[in-house]
Amino acid sequence: MSAETRRLVAILAADIAGYSRLMAADEPGTLARLKKIRTDSVEPTVTSFGGSVVGSAGDSLLVEFASVVKAVDCAVTIQTALAAANAELTDDQRMEFRIGVNLGDVIADGGTIYGDGVNIAARLEKLAEPGGVCIAGSVYDQIKGKLPFACIDLGEQKMHNIPQPVRAYRVERPHDASLANALPLPDKPSIAVLPFQNMGGDKDQDYFSDGITEDIITGLSKLHWIFVIARNSTFAYKGKSPDIRTVGRELGVHYVLEGSVRKSGEQLRITAQLIDATTGAHVWAERYDRAIADIFAVQDEITERVIGALEPQLYAAENRRFQKKATESLDAWGCVMRAMPYVWTWAAADNEAGVRLLERACTIDPAYARATGLLGWTYAARAHLGVADPAEMLAKALSLAERAMDQDNSDAWAHLAAGYVHMVARQFQPAIDQLGEAIDRNPSFAIAHMVMGSTYGYGGMPDEGIRHVEIAMRLSPRDSIQSANLSTIGTCHFIAGRYTEAVDYQRRAVQLRPHFGTAWRSLVAAAGLAGDLALAASALASASRLQPNLTLAWVEAHHPIVQPEDRARYIEGLRRAGLH
């Protein structure tokens, strides 16, 4: 054999623990699962790390890498992904790989490799535990300080037909810790859309890339067969460069969409790529160069392409294309995108900023349903916060919500706004009906579930309220308005008579958002009935500063709690704190 056929490579050898047992129990099922694992997870992962499969007989796999670091990172990634997949299977269905990695000189011939380097990798594989990775000392020397994995020294190992002992190390996979907190994958396609990066350099244009992200999320959320993470959770990653596999574990999704936007004059360049978060492999990528006037068509096209990558058979059968009724006026659209961060804070100053932007959007485009509905929301929030006349604000809010539904009855945001208005007005059943309509139109609508939870809490059904908030938190596990979820759970505990728990949740809510007026108010009532009068008095000072007109009479007349006996307990807590 000529010298040119030799090379120094990292070798990954893998096989399945208990493969013969699995075959004996269910040969067709085992073969089908093995094929799926290889095509859906293992092979894409190998490719993403620059590896080449050089052998795959039976249940075994032989891969070579030019980089030792990438070989070990690939091995750990495969085991992490398979551990997550196995968590959903019964014991007689789980396939657990054992993986060995070695660095050695090999002979290449006929598309595969031979030599002691390969044999040692195979022996290391036998030393690995099911689901584990075992590496040679030569590999350990190369990866020290370069990968975040602890390695346990197993000492010198005598190996069959290998003249000299080989030092071996067991790799401690980080999934042992991270997967303990990882969210399970839903039983349908799941995706998180990360904030598209603004590549134009002008921070004032962030709203533009944020808006594109928002509209893609909304488009995807219209499909009942896709589990879509809410925008408030994905926007927690804005300005960061997270590892996609980590994002997948933290949010509990199979796919992640990321991209960038560059705006130059009247021209627009958008890039987007869909990534399998379980492997880090790219599923699809595209670049769009368009005139800025075509922005909405581009968003539709990106959404279509993502769906096509997720469910090609369904896409081909249905030839589904999303049709939005978003405004054709970019100025109005931009106002709504700028207003979004101010809508969900329940802080008076933010509310005022949101109202100004949304009023401008409605002036520019009076037929823009989302702008109309969100303006109704902000007016209702003013009544909820007690910073304006409740009767006047709720009348305006209800009129706007009804107008938004007339403009686009399919828009989940319009029904959300209507539900919130009815909730603040103590109109329990109409609120439940409209929020149900919002969720029917967008099953992944986290904030609709949160408001539904609040409505049930105020309406005297606290356990049902908590159930909806838990759904909201699952859909948006890293929500930037997590304080609202916490406060809603606190309200439900209060209604259920669990005052200590109510104090805990309301305290956490105001710690996250110090200007959260309604949470401060509820903390006062809960602390008063829990007997912590010092905390109640301190919280009352904050609540009164945020709502100077707060009185017991105001609460009796305008607080959203529906049942008189529940409202009386709330008022008693405030009275004990010193409110008159």
Protein backbone atom coordinates (compact mmCIF):
# COMPACT_ATOMS: atom_id res chain seq x y z
CA MET A 1 0.00 0.00 0.00
CA SER A 2 1.44 3.40 -0.98
CA ALA A 3 2.20 6.07 1.65
CA GLU A 4 -0.48 8.29 0.16
CA THR A 5 -3.18 5.92 1.46
CA ARG A 6 -2.19 6.52 5.09
CA ARG A 7 -3.47 9.38 7.19
CA LEU A 8 -3.77 10.47 10.81
CA VAL A 9 -7.44 10.88 11.74
CA ALA A 10 -9.85 10.86 14.65
CA ILE A 11 -11.94 7.70 14.55
CA LEU A 12 -15.41 7.34 16.05
CA ALA A 13 -16.74 3.82 16.48
CA ALA A 14 -20.29 3.17 17.67
CA ASP A 15 -22.70 0.30 18.13
CA ILE A 16 -26.01 -0.28 19.88
CA ALA A 17 -26.08 -1.84 23.32
CA GLY A 18 -28.34 -4.91 23.45
CA TYR A 19 -28.96 -4.90 19.71
CA SER A 20 -29.42 -8.68 19.51
CA ARG A 21 -32.03 -8.54 22.27
CA LEU A 22 -33.91 -5.78 20.48
CA MET A 23 -33.85 -7.70 17.20
CA ALA A 24 -35.11 -10.87 18.83
CA ALA A 25 -38.02 -9.00 20.39
CA ASP A 26 -39.07 -6.99 17.30
CA GLU A 27 -36.93 -7.31 14.20
CA PRO A 28 -38.97 -5.08 11.82
CA GLY A 29 -39.52 -2.40 14.45
CA THR A 30 -35.87 -2.41 15.52
CA LEU A 31 -34.64 -2.07 11.94
CA ALA A 32 -37.09 0.76 11.28
CA ARG A 33 -36.01 2.64 14.43
CA LEU A 34 -32.33 2.14 13.61
CA LYS A 35 -32.83 3.53 10.11
CA LYS A 36 -34.76 6.52 11.44
CA ILE A 37 -32.11 7.27 14.07
CA ARG A 38 -29.37 7.18 11.46
CA THR A 39 -31.13 9.30 8.86
CA ASP A 40 -32.82 11.79 11.20
CA SER A 41 -30.17 12.26 13.88
CA VAL A 42 -26.82 10.50 13.60
CA GLU A 43 -25.87 11.11 9.97
CA PRO A 44 -26.92 14.81 9.92
CA THR A 45 -24.95 15.34 13.13
CA VAL A 46 -21.86 13.66 11.70
CA THR A 47 -22.10 15.84 8.59
CA SER A 48 -22.55 19.03 10.62
CA PHE A 49 -19.28 18.28 12.49
CA GLY A 50 -17.33 17.55 9.31
CA GLY A 51 -17.21 13.77 9.71
CA SER A 52 -17.42 11.06 7.04
CA VAL A 53 -19.11 7.71 7.55
CA VAL A 54 -16.66 5.02 6.34
CA GLY A 55 -18.46 1.94 7.67
CA SER A 56 -22.01 1.08 8.78
CA ALA A 57 -22.51 -2.66 8.89
CA GLY A 58 -25.44 -3.90 11.00
CA ASP A 59 -25.76 -1.77 14.11
CA SER A 60 -22.18 -0.48 13.97
CA LEU A 61 -20.92 2.82 12.68
CA LEU A 62 -17.41 3.95 11.80
CA VAL A 63 -16.70 7.64 11.20
CA GLU A 64 -13.51 9.56 10.55
CA PHE A 65 -12.81 13.21 11.35
CA ALA A 66 -9.96 15.55 10.50
CA SER A 67 -10.49 17.25 13.89
CA VAL A 68 -10.25 15.41 17.22
CA VAL A 69 -12.22 18.15 18.96
CA LYS A 70 -15.07 17.87 16.45
CA ALA A 71 -15.07 14.07 16.76
CA VAL A 72 -15.64 14.21 20.53
CA ASP A 73 -18.13 17.07 20.29
CA CYS A 74 -20.03 15.07 17.66
CA ALA A 75 -20.04 11.95 19.88
CA VAL A 76 -21.46 13.86 22.84
CA THR A 77 -24.02 15.63 20.64
CA ILE A 78 -25.25 12.29 19.26
CA GLN A 79 -25.62 10.84 22.74
CA THR A 80 -27.41 13.95 24.01
CA ALA A 81 -29.90 13.89 21.13
CA LEU A 82 -30.54 10.16 21.51
CA ALA A 83 -31.05 10.50 25.26
CA ALA A 84 -33.75 13.10 24.63
CA ALA A 85 -35.41 10.87 22.01
CA ASN A 86 -35.21 7.78 24.23
CA ALA A 87 -36.97 9.60 27.06
CA GLU A 88 -40.19 9.33 25.03
CA LEU A 89 -39.85 5.55 24.43
CA THR A 90 -40.51 2.42 26.44
CA ASP A 91 -37.62 0.27 27.68
CA ASP A 92 -38.06 -2.29 24.89
CA GLN A 93 -37.85 0.43 22.22
CA ARG A 94 -34.86 2.48 23.38
CA MET A 95 -31.65 2.33 21.37
CA GLU A 96 -28.54 3.38 23.27
CA PHE A 97 -25.25 3.77 21.46
CA ARG A 98 -21.86 3.08 22.96
CA ILE A 99 -19.21 5.29 21.36
CA GLY A 100 -15.41 5.15 21.37
CA VAL A 101 -13.11 7.83 19.94
CA ASN A 102 -9.44 7.35 19.11
CA LEU A 103 -6.71 9.29 17.34
CA GLY A 104 -4.56 7.12 15.12
CA ASP A 105 -2.82 6.40 11.83
CA VAL A 106 -5.08 4.47 9.43
CA ILE A 107 -4.91 2.89 6.01
CA ALA A 108 -7.60 3.96 3.56
CA ASP A 109 -8.81 1.42 1.03
CA GLY A 110 -12.05 1.03 -0.89
CA GLY A 111 -13.93 3.76 0.93
CA THR A 112 -13.18 2.50 4.43
CA ILE A 113 -10.24 2.56 6.87
CA TYR A 114 -8.17 -0.11 8.64
CA GLY A 115 -5.43 -0.44 11.21
CA ASP A 116 -4.77 -0.40 14.94
CA GLY A 117 -6.25 3.10 15.16
CA VAL A 118 -9.62 1.65 14.11
CA ASN A 119 -9.25 -1.40 16.36
CA ILE A 120 -8.54 0.75 19.42
CA ALA A 121 -11.62 2.89 18.70
CA ALA A 122 -13.69 -0.31 18.58
CA ARG A 123 -12.21 -1.52 21.91
CA LEU A 124 -12.94 1.88 23.50
CA GLU A 125 -16.51 1.58 22.28
CA LYS A 126 -16.85 -1.70 24.23
CA LEU A 127 -15.62 0.09 27.37
CA ALA A 128 -18.29 2.78 27.07
CA GLU A 129 -21.51 2.48 29.00
CA PRO A 130 -24.79 2.48 27.03
CA GLY A 131 -25.39 6.11 26.17
CA GLY A 132 -21.76 6.94 27.01
CA VAL A 133 -18.56 8.03 25.29
CA CYS A 134 -15.08 6.63 25.97
CA ILE A 135 -11.94 8.23 24.52
CA ALA A 136 -8.26 7.35 24.28
CA GLY A 137 -5.58 9.23 26.21
CA SER A 138 -4.26 10.65 22.93
CA VAL A 139 -7.70 12.15 22.31
CA TYR A 140 -7.92 13.53 25.84
CA ASP A 141 -4.57 15.29 25.39
CA GLN A 142 -5.95 17.07 22.33
CA ILE A 143 -9.29 18.21 23.75
CA LYS A 144 -8.18 19.40 27.21
CA GLY A 145 -9.46 22.94 27.77
CA LYS A 146 -11.21 23.02 24.39
CA LEU A 147 -14.54 21.36 25.24
CA PRO A 148 -16.77 21.84 28.31
CA PHE A 149 -16.80 18.13 29.17
CA ALA A 150 -15.34 16.52 32.28
CA CYS A 151 -13.32 13.36 31.61
CA ILE A 152 -12.85 10.56 34.15
CA ASP A 153 -9.52 8.69 33.97
CA LEU A 154 -10.17 4.94 33.67
CA GLY A 155 -6.47 4.09 33.79
CA GLU A 156 -4.44 1.84 31.50
CA GLN A 157 -6.62 -0.67 29.67
CA LYS A 158 -5.32 -3.95 28.24
CA MET A 159 -7.07 -4.49 24.90
CA HIS A 160 -7.44 -7.65 22.84
CA ASN A 161 -4.81 -7.88 20.09
CA ILE A 162 -3.37 -4.46 20.97
CA PRO A 163 0.26 -4.86 22.11
CA GLN A 164 0.46 -1.88 24.48
CA PRO A 165 -2.11 -0.84 27.13
CA VAL A 166 -4.20 2.20 26.20
CA ARG A 167 -5.17 4.87 28.71
CA ALA A 168 -8.92 5.50 28.53
CA TYR A 169 -11.23 8.26 29.75
CA ARG A 170 -14.98 8.35 30.22
CA VAL A 171 -16.57 11.58 29.00
CA GLU A 172 -19.12 13.03 31.40
CA ARG A 173 -21.82 14.28 29.10
CA PRO A 174 -23.25 17.72 30.00
CA HIS A 175 -26.70 16.40 29.14
CA ASP A 176 -26.72 14.62 32.49
CA ALA A 177 -27.23 18.05 34.07
CA SER A 178 -28.80 20.07 31.28
CA LEU A 179 -31.33 17.49 30.18
CA ALA A 180 -32.58 17.22 33.73
CA ASN A 181 -33.99 20.70 33.17
CA ALA A 182 -34.68 20.27 29.46
CA LEU A 183 -38.27 20.49 28.32
CA PRO A 184 -39.67 17.41 26.56
CA LEU A 185 -40.37 17.74 22.85
CA PRO A 186 -44.08 18.08 21.97
CA ASP A 187 -45.73 15.30 20.01
CA LYS A 188 -45.93 17.45 16.89
CA PRO A 189 -43.43 19.58 14.92
CA SER A 190 -42.11 22.33 17.20
CA ILE A 191 -40.22 25.49 16.36
CA ALA A 192 -38.74 28.60 17.93
CA VAL A 193 -38.09 31.66 15.77
CA LEU A 194 -35.13 33.61 17.13
CA PRO A 195 -35.05 37.39 16.65
CA PHE A 196 -33.68 38.18 13.22
CA GLN A 197 -30.46 40.16 13.50
CA ASN A 198 -30.41 43.76 12.33
CA MET A 199 -27.31 43.88 10.13
CA GLY A 200 -27.77 47.48 9.02
CA GLY A 201 -25.83 48.99 11.93
CA ASP A 202 -28.61 51.45 12.82
CA LYS A 203 -30.07 50.44 16.20
CA ASP A 204 -33.14 52.56 15.47
CA GLN A 205 -34.01 49.99 12.81
CA ASP A 206 -34.19 47.11 15.31
CA TYR A 207 -37.97 47.38 15.25
CA PHE A 208 -37.83 46.43 11.57
CA SER A 209 -36.08 43.08 12.04
CA ASP A 210 -38.12 42.46 15.21
CA GLY A 211 -41.29 43.00 13.24
CA ILE A 212 -40.31 40.48 10.58
CA THR A 213 -39.64 37.94 13.32
CA GLU A 214 -43.00 38.69 14.92
CA ASP A 215 -44.93 38.24 11.69
CA ILE A 216 -43.24 34.93 10.89
CA ILE A 217 -44.14 33.66 14.38
CA THR A 218 -47.74 34.78 13.87
CA GLY A 219 -47.91 33.07 10.49
CA LEU A 220 -46.55 29.79 11.81
CA SER A 221 -48.84 29.94 14.84
CA LYS A 222 -51.91 29.78 12.60
CA LEU A 223 -51.13 26.13 11.93
CA HIS A 224 -52.62 23.84 14.56
CA TRP A 225 -50.17 21.06 13.74
CA ILE A 226 -47.07 23.10 14.68
CA PHE A 227 -46.10 23.93 18.26
CA VAL A 228 -44.69 27.46 18.13
CA ILE A 229 -42.81 29.12 21.00
CA ALA A 230 -44.14 32.60 21.77
CA ARG A 231 -42.15 35.64 20.72
CA ASN A 232 -41.53 36.85 24.27
CA SER A 233 -39.48 33.74 25.04
CA THR A 234 -37.46 33.76 21.84
CA PHE A 235 -36.73 37.47 22.21
CA ALA A 236 -34.86 36.63 25.41
CA TYR A 237 -32.06 35.54 23.05
CA LYS A 238 -31.93 38.89 21.23
CA GLY A 239 -28.40 40.25 20.91
CA LYS A 240 -26.87 36.91 21.90
CA SER A 241 -25.26 34.09 19.93
CA PRO A 242 -26.66 31.02 21.68
CA ASP A 243 -25.81 27.46 20.79
CA ILE A 244 -28.82 26.23 18.82
CA ARG A 245 -28.82 22.87 20.57
CA THR A 246 -28.99 24.68 23.92
CA VAL A 247 -31.90 26.78 22.66
CA GLY A 248 -33.69 23.62 21.62
CA ARG A 249 -33.28 22.09 25.07
CA GLU A 250 -34.20 25.28 26.94
CA LEU A 251 -37.35 25.89 24.91
CA GLY A 252 -38.27 22.26 24.22
CA VAL A 253 -38.37 22.46 20.41
CA HIS A 254 -37.10 20.35 17.54
CA TYR A 255 -36.42 23.20 15.11
CA VAL A 256 -35.01 26.72 15.37
CA LEU A 257 -35.35 29.40 12.70
CA GLU A 258 -32.79 32.20 12.71
CA GLY A 259 -31.90 34.90 10.24
CA SER A 260 -30.80 38.45 9.56
CA VAL A 261 -32.10 41.60 7.93
CA ARG A 262 -30.06 44.23 6.09
CA LYS A 263 -31.91 47.36 4.97
CA SER A 264 -30.15 49.73 2.61
CA GLY A 265 -32.22 52.56 1.19
CA GLU A 266 -35.19 50.96 -0.55
CA GLN A 267 -33.53 47.55 -0.80
CA LEU A 268 -33.87 44.68 1.63
CA ARG A 269 -31.81 41.52 2.11
CA ILE A 270 -33.21 38.82 4.39
CA THR A 271 -31.44 35.56 5.18
CA ALA A 272 -33.12 32.69 6.99
CA GLN A 273 -32.03 29.22 8.01
CA LEU A 274 -33.90 26.39 9.64
CA ILE A 275 -31.85 24.23 12.01
CA ASP A 276 -32.56 20.89 13.60
CA ALA A 277 -31.94 21.78 17.25
CA THR A 278 -31.43 18.16 18.27
CA THR A 279 -28.37 17.82 16.03
CA GLY A 280 -27.35 21.34 15.02
CA ALA A 281 -27.73 20.31 11.37
CA HIS A 282 -29.11 22.77 8.81
CA VAL A 283 -32.39 21.74 7.26
CA TRP A 284 -32.87 24.64 4.88
CA ALA A 285 -31.40 28.07 4.16
CA GLU A 286 -32.33 30.87 1.80
CA ARG A 287 -31.52 34.48 0.96
CA TYR A 288 -34.01 37.04 -0.26
CA ASP A 289 -33.10 40.25 -2.07
CA ARG A 290 -36.20 42.37 -2.50
CA ALA A 291 -37.40 45.91 -2.79
CA ILE A 292 -38.67 47.04 0.57
CA ALA A 293 -42.17 47.32 -0.86
CA ASP A 294 -42.23 43.50 -1.07
CA ILE A 295 -41.54 42.92 2.63
CA PHE A 296 -44.86 41.20 3.39
CA ALA A 297 -44.54 38.84 0.43
CA VAL A 298 -41.04 37.91 1.64
CA GLN A 299 -42.37 37.11 5.13
CA ASP A 300 -45.06 34.90 3.61
CA GLU A 301 -42.48 33.15 1.47
CA ILE A 302 -40.15 32.46 4.41
CA THR A 303 -43.05 31.10 6.45
CA GLU A 304 -44.11 28.86 3.56
CA ARG A 305 -40.60 27.51 3.10
CA VAL A 306 -40.23 26.66 6.79
CA ILE A 307 -43.50 24.75 6.71
CA GLY A 308 -42.37 22.99 3.57
CA ALA A 309 -39.20 21.85 5.33
CA LEU A 310 -41.11 20.68 8.42
CA GLU A 311 -43.93 18.81 6.74
CA PRO A 312 -43.17 18.36 3.02
CA GLN A 313 -45.92 15.81 2.40
CA LEU A 314 -48.58 17.97 4.02
CA TYR A 315 -47.23 21.00 2.22
CA ALA A 316 -47.43 19.25 -1.15
CA ALA A 317 -50.95 17.95 -0.47
CA GLU A 318 -52.39 21.18 0.84
CA ASN A 319 -50.23 23.69 -1.09
CA ARG A 320 -50.87 25.89 1.89
CA ARG A 321 -50.06 29.57 1.63
CA PHE A 322 -50.59 31.97 4.46
CA GLN A 323 -52.57 35.08 3.69
CA LYS A 324 -52.15 37.95 6.14
CA LYS A 325 -54.34 40.97 6.42
CA ALA A 326 -51.47 43.07 7.72
CA THR A 327 -51.37 46.67 6.62
CA GLU A 328 -49.63 47.58 3.40
CA SER A 329 -48.36 50.72 5.12
CA LEU A 330 -44.93 50.09 6.58
CA ASP A 331 -45.25 53.20 8.71
CA ALA A 332 -48.31 51.85 10.51
CA TRP A 333 -46.74 48.43 10.81
CA GLY A 334 -43.58 49.98 12.23
CA CYS A 335 -45.61 51.88 14.83
CA VAL A 336 -47.21 48.63 16.00
CA MET A 337 -43.83 46.90 16.20
CA ARG A 338 -42.42 49.79 18.22
CA ALA A 339 -45.47 49.70 20.53
CA MET A 340 -45.29 45.98 21.31
CA PRO A 341 -42.75 46.20 24.19
CA TYR A 342 -44.98 48.77 25.93
CA VAL A 343 -48.23 46.83 25.73
CA TRP A 344 -47.58 44.02 28.22
CA THR A 345 -45.91 45.77 31.16
CA TRP A 346 -48.94 47.07 33.12
CA ALA A 347 -46.90 50.17 33.95
CA ALA A 348 -48.47 53.60 33.51
CA ALA A 349 -45.54 55.24 31.67
CA ASP A 350 -45.19 52.34 29.24
CA ASN A 351 -48.93 52.35 28.66
CA GLU A 352 -48.82 56.00 27.64
CA ALA A 353 -45.99 55.34 25.18
CA GLY A 354 -47.89 52.40 23.70
CA VAL A 355 -51.09 54.43 23.34
CA ARG A 356 -49.27 57.18 21.41
CA LEU A 357 -47.71 54.73 18.94
CA LEU A 358 -50.91 52.74 18.41
CA GLU A 359 -53.04 55.85 17.94
CA ARG A 360 -50.57 56.94 15.27
CA ALA A 361 -50.78 53.54 13.58
CA CYS A 362 -54.58 53.72 13.51
CA THR A 363 -54.44 57.24 12.06
CA ILE A 364 -52.11 56.08 9.28
CA ASP A 365 -54.16 52.96 8.53
CA PRO A 366 -57.64 52.95 10.12
CA ALA A 367 -58.29 49.41 8.78
CA TYR A 368 -55.26 47.79 10.47
CA ALA A 369 -56.89 45.20 12.74
CA ARG A 370 -53.95 44.51 15.01
CA ALA A 371 -53.32 48.20 15.66
CA THR A 372 -57.02 48.73 16.41
CA GLY A 373 -57.24 45.76 18.79
CA LEU A 374 -54.03 46.58 20.64
CA LEU A 375 -55.14 50.18 21.10
CA GLY A 376 -58.28 48.79 22.72
CA TRP A 377 -56.07 46.64 24.96
CA THR A 378 -54.05 49.66 26.11
CA TYR A 379 -57.20 51.61 26.97
CA ALA A 380 -58.49 48.65 29.00
CA ALA A 381 -55.10 48.46 30.73
CA ARG A 382 -55.48 52.11 31.78
CA ALA A 383 -58.75 51.16 33.48
CA HIS A 384 -57.12 48.09 35.04
CA LEU A 385 -54.23 50.19 36.37
CA GLY A 386 -56.57 52.87 37.72
CA VAL A 387 -54.77 55.70 35.91
CA ALA A 388 -57.81 56.91 33.97
CA ASP A 389 -61.61 56.91 34.30
CA PRO A 390 -62.57 53.21 34.02
CA ALA A 391 -65.98 53.77 32.46
CA GLU A 392 -64.60 56.01 29.73
CA MET A 393 -61.60 53.78 29.02
CA LEU A 394 -63.61 50.55 28.89
CA ALA A 395 -66.20 52.07 26.56
CA LYS A 396 -63.43 53.12 24.16
CA ALA A 397 -61.66 49.80 24.55
CA LEU A 398 -64.74 47.70 23.78
CA SER A 399 -65.56 49.81 20.72
CA LEU A 400 -62.02 49.36 19.38
CA ALA A 401 -61.98 45.61 20.07
CA GLU A 402 -65.28 45.16 18.23
CA ARG A 403 -63.99 47.25 15.33
CA ALA A 404 -60.85 45.11 15.14
CA MET A 405 -62.94 41.93 14.91
CA ASP A 406 -65.02 43.54 12.16
CA GLN A 407 -61.82 44.41 10.30
CA ASP A 408 -60.42 40.88 10.57
CA ASN A 409 -62.43 38.33 12.52
CA SER A 410 -59.72 35.71 11.92
CA ASP A 411 -57.13 37.79 13.80
CA ALA A 412 -56.36 36.20 17.18
CA TRP A 413 -55.08 39.54 18.50
CA ALA A 414 -58.48 41.18 18.00
CA HIS A 415 -60.19 38.46 20.05
CA LEU A 416 -57.44 38.67 22.69
CA ALA A 417 -58.06 42.40 23.06
CA ALA A 418 -61.81 41.86 23.31
CA GLY A 419 -61.34 39.16 25.95
CA TYR A 420 -59.09 41.39 28.03
CA VAL A 421 -61.56 44.28 27.85
CA HIS A 422 -64.39 42.02 29.04
CA MET A 423 -62.19 40.67 31.84
CA VAL A 424 -61.39 44.14 33.16
CA ALA A 425 -65.11 44.99 32.96
CA ARG A 426 -66.02 41.91 35.09
CA GLN A 427 -67.83 40.32 32.15
CA PHE A 428 -66.68 36.78 32.79
CA GLN A 429 -68.42 34.70 30.11
CA PRO A 430 -67.84 37.14 27.22
CA ALA A 431 -64.16 37.28 28.24
CA ILE A 432 -63.87 33.47 28.25
CA ASP A 433 -65.63 33.28 24.88
CA GLN A 434 -63.36 35.79 23.18
CA LEU A 435 -60.17 34.38 24.67
CA GLY A 436 -61.30 30.94 23.54
CA GLU A 437 -61.70 32.34 20.02
CA ALA A 438 -58.16 33.76 20.19
CA ILE A 439 -56.74 30.40 21.25
CA ASP A 440 -58.74 28.54 18.58
CA ARG A 441 -57.19 30.77 15.95
CA ASN A 442 -53.69 30.55 17.43
CA PRO A 443 -53.16 27.53 19.72
CA SER A 444 -49.60 28.70 20.52
CA PHE A 445 -50.81 32.12 21.72
CA ALA A 446 -49.10 32.23 25.12
CA ILE A 447 -50.44 35.59 26.26
CA ALA A 448 -54.01 34.53 25.45
CA HIS A 449 -53.57 31.57 27.79
CA MET A 450 -52.17 33.91 30.44
CA VAL A 451 -55.16 36.28 30.19
CA MET A 452 -57.48 33.27 30.17
CA GLY A 453 -55.83 32.18 33.41
CA SER A 454 -56.32 35.61 34.90
CA THR A 455 -59.96 35.63 33.83
CA TYR A 456 -60.61 32.27 35.46
CA GLY A 457 -58.83 33.46 38.60
CA TYR A 458 -60.85 36.67 38.84
CA GLY A 459 -63.97 34.65 38.04
CA GLY A 460 -63.55 32.31 41.02
CA MET A 461 -62.03 29.28 39.24
CA PRO A 462 -58.40 29.46 40.42
CA ASP A 463 -57.28 25.92 39.56
CA GLU A 464 -58.42 26.32 35.97
CA GLY A 465 -56.65 29.67 35.93
CA ILE A 466 -53.36 28.15 37.04
CA ARG A 467 -53.71 25.44 34.38
CA HIS A 468 -53.88 28.04 31.64
CA VAL A 469 -50.92 29.98 33.02
CA GLU A 470 -48.89 26.78 33.06
CA ILE A 471 -49.73 26.33 29.37
CA ALA A 472 -48.62 29.92 28.74
CA MET A 473 -45.33 29.31 30.54
CA ARG A 474 -44.73 26.11 28.56
CA LEU A 475 -45.37 27.89 25.27
CA SER A 476 -43.11 30.76 26.33
CA PRO A 477 -40.70 29.39 28.96
CA ARG A 478 -38.36 32.39 28.81
CA ASP A 479 -40.99 35.06 28.52
CA SER A 480 -39.85 38.64 29.06
CA ILE A 481 -43.24 39.24 30.73
CA GLN A 482 -42.90 36.31 33.10
CA SER A 483 -43.94 38.71 35.84
CA ALA A 484 -47.49 38.68 34.45
CA ASN A 485 -47.60 34.89 34.63
CA LEU A 486 -46.34 34.96 38.22
CA SER A 487 -48.82 37.62 39.25
CA THR A 488 -51.68 35.69 37.65
CA ILE A 489 -50.74 32.55 39.58
CA GLY A 490 -50.59 34.71 42.71
CA THR A 491 -54.10 35.98 42.03
CA CYS A 492 -55.36 32.43 41.61
CA HIS A 493 -53.80 31.40 44.93
CA PHE A 494 -55.44 34.41 46.60
CA ILE A 495 -58.87 33.49 45.27
CA ALA A 496 -58.28 29.91 46.51
CA GLY A 497 -57.46 31.25 49.98
CA ARG A 498 -53.77 30.31 49.79
CA TYR A 499 -52.46 33.67 50.97
CA THR A 500 -48.86 32.69 51.73
CA GLU A 501 -48.45 31.30 48.20
CA ALA A 502 -50.13 34.40 46.80
CA VAL A 503 -47.61 36.61 48.62
CA ASP A 504 -44.70 34.59 47.24
CA TYR A 505 -45.84 34.87 43.60
CA GLN A 506 -46.81 38.55 43.77
CA ARG A 507 -43.51 39.40 45.47
CA ARG A 508 -41.60 37.64 42.65
CA ALA A 509 -43.70 39.48 40.07
CA VAL A 510 -42.87 42.95 41.42
CA GLN A 511 -39.22 42.01 41.84
CA LEU A 512 -39.09 41.25 38.12
CA ARG A 513 -41.06 44.38 37.19
CA PRO A 514 -41.00 47.09 39.92
CA HIS A 515 -43.57 49.30 38.14
CA PHE A 516 -46.15 46.49 37.83
CA GLY A 517 -49.07 48.34 39.44
CA THR A 518 -51.67 45.57 39.57
CA ALA A 519 -49.19 43.12 41.12
CA TRP A 520 -48.28 45.59 43.89
CA ARG A 521 -51.99 46.03 44.61
CA SER A 522 -52.50 42.28 44.88
CA LEU A 523 -49.38 41.87 47.02
CA VAL A 524 -50.90 44.29 49.53
CA ALA A 525 -54.13 42.28 49.76
CA ALA A 526 -52.37 38.93 50.02
CA ALA A 527 -49.87 40.10 52.65
CA GLY A 528 -52.71 41.67 54.67
CA LEU A 529 -54.62 38.41 54.88
CA ALA A 530 -51.43 36.36 55.36
CA GLY A 531 -50.75 38.41 58.51
CA ASP A 532 -47.54 40.06 57.26
CA LEU A 533 -48.68 43.60 57.99
CA ALA A 534 -45.20 45.10 57.67
CA LEU A 535 -44.91 43.80 54.11
CA ALA A 536 -48.51 44.83 53.41
CA ALA A 537 -47.83 48.43 54.53
CA SER A 538 -44.62 48.64 52.51
CA ALA A 539 -46.32 47.25 49.41
CA LEU A 540 -49.23 49.68 49.89
CA ALA A 541 -46.81 52.59 49.70
CA SER A 542 -45.61 51.35 46.30
CA ALA A 543 -49.11 50.57 45.06
CA SER A 544 -50.38 54.02 46.08
CA ARG A 545 -47.44 55.74 44.41
CA LEU A 546 -48.28 53.96 41.15
CA GLN A 547 -52.05 54.51 41.58
CA PRO A 548 -52.65 57.66 43.63
CA ASN A 549 -56.46 57.25 43.48
CA LEU A 550 -56.37 53.78 45.07
CA THR A 551 -59.11 53.46 47.71
CA LEU A 552 -61.31 50.70 49.05
CA ALA A 553 -64.24 52.29 47.20
CA TRP A 554 -62.29 52.20 43.92
CA VAL A 555 -61.57 48.49 44.38
CA GLU A 556 -65.23 47.72 45.13
CA ALA A 557 -66.33 49.62 42.02
CA HIS A 558 -63.66 48.74 39.47
CA HIS A 559 -61.44 45.78 40.41
CA PRO A 560 -61.93 42.82 37.97
CA ILE A 561 -62.69 40.25 40.73
CA VAL A 562 -66.15 38.97 39.82
CA GLN A 563 -67.56 37.29 42.94
CA PRO A 564 -68.58 39.74 45.70
CA GLU A 565 -67.29 37.45 48.46
CA ASP A 566 -63.86 37.17 46.79
CA ARG A 567 -63.74 40.92 46.30
CA ALA A 568 -64.67 41.43 49.96
CA ARG A 569 -61.67 39.32 51.06
CA TYR A 570 -59.42 41.32 48.75
CA ILE A 571 -60.72 44.58 50.24
CA GLU A 572 -60.22 43.23 53.77
CA GLY A 573 -56.55 42.53 52.99
CA LEU A 574 -56.13 46.10 51.75
CA ARG A 575 -57.93 47.48 54.80
CA ARG A 576 -55.60 45.58 57.14
CA ALA A 577 -52.67 47.18 55.34
CA GLY A 578 -54.07 50.62 56.11
CA LEU A 579 -55.96 51.55 52.95
CA HIS A 580 -59.20 53.50 53.41
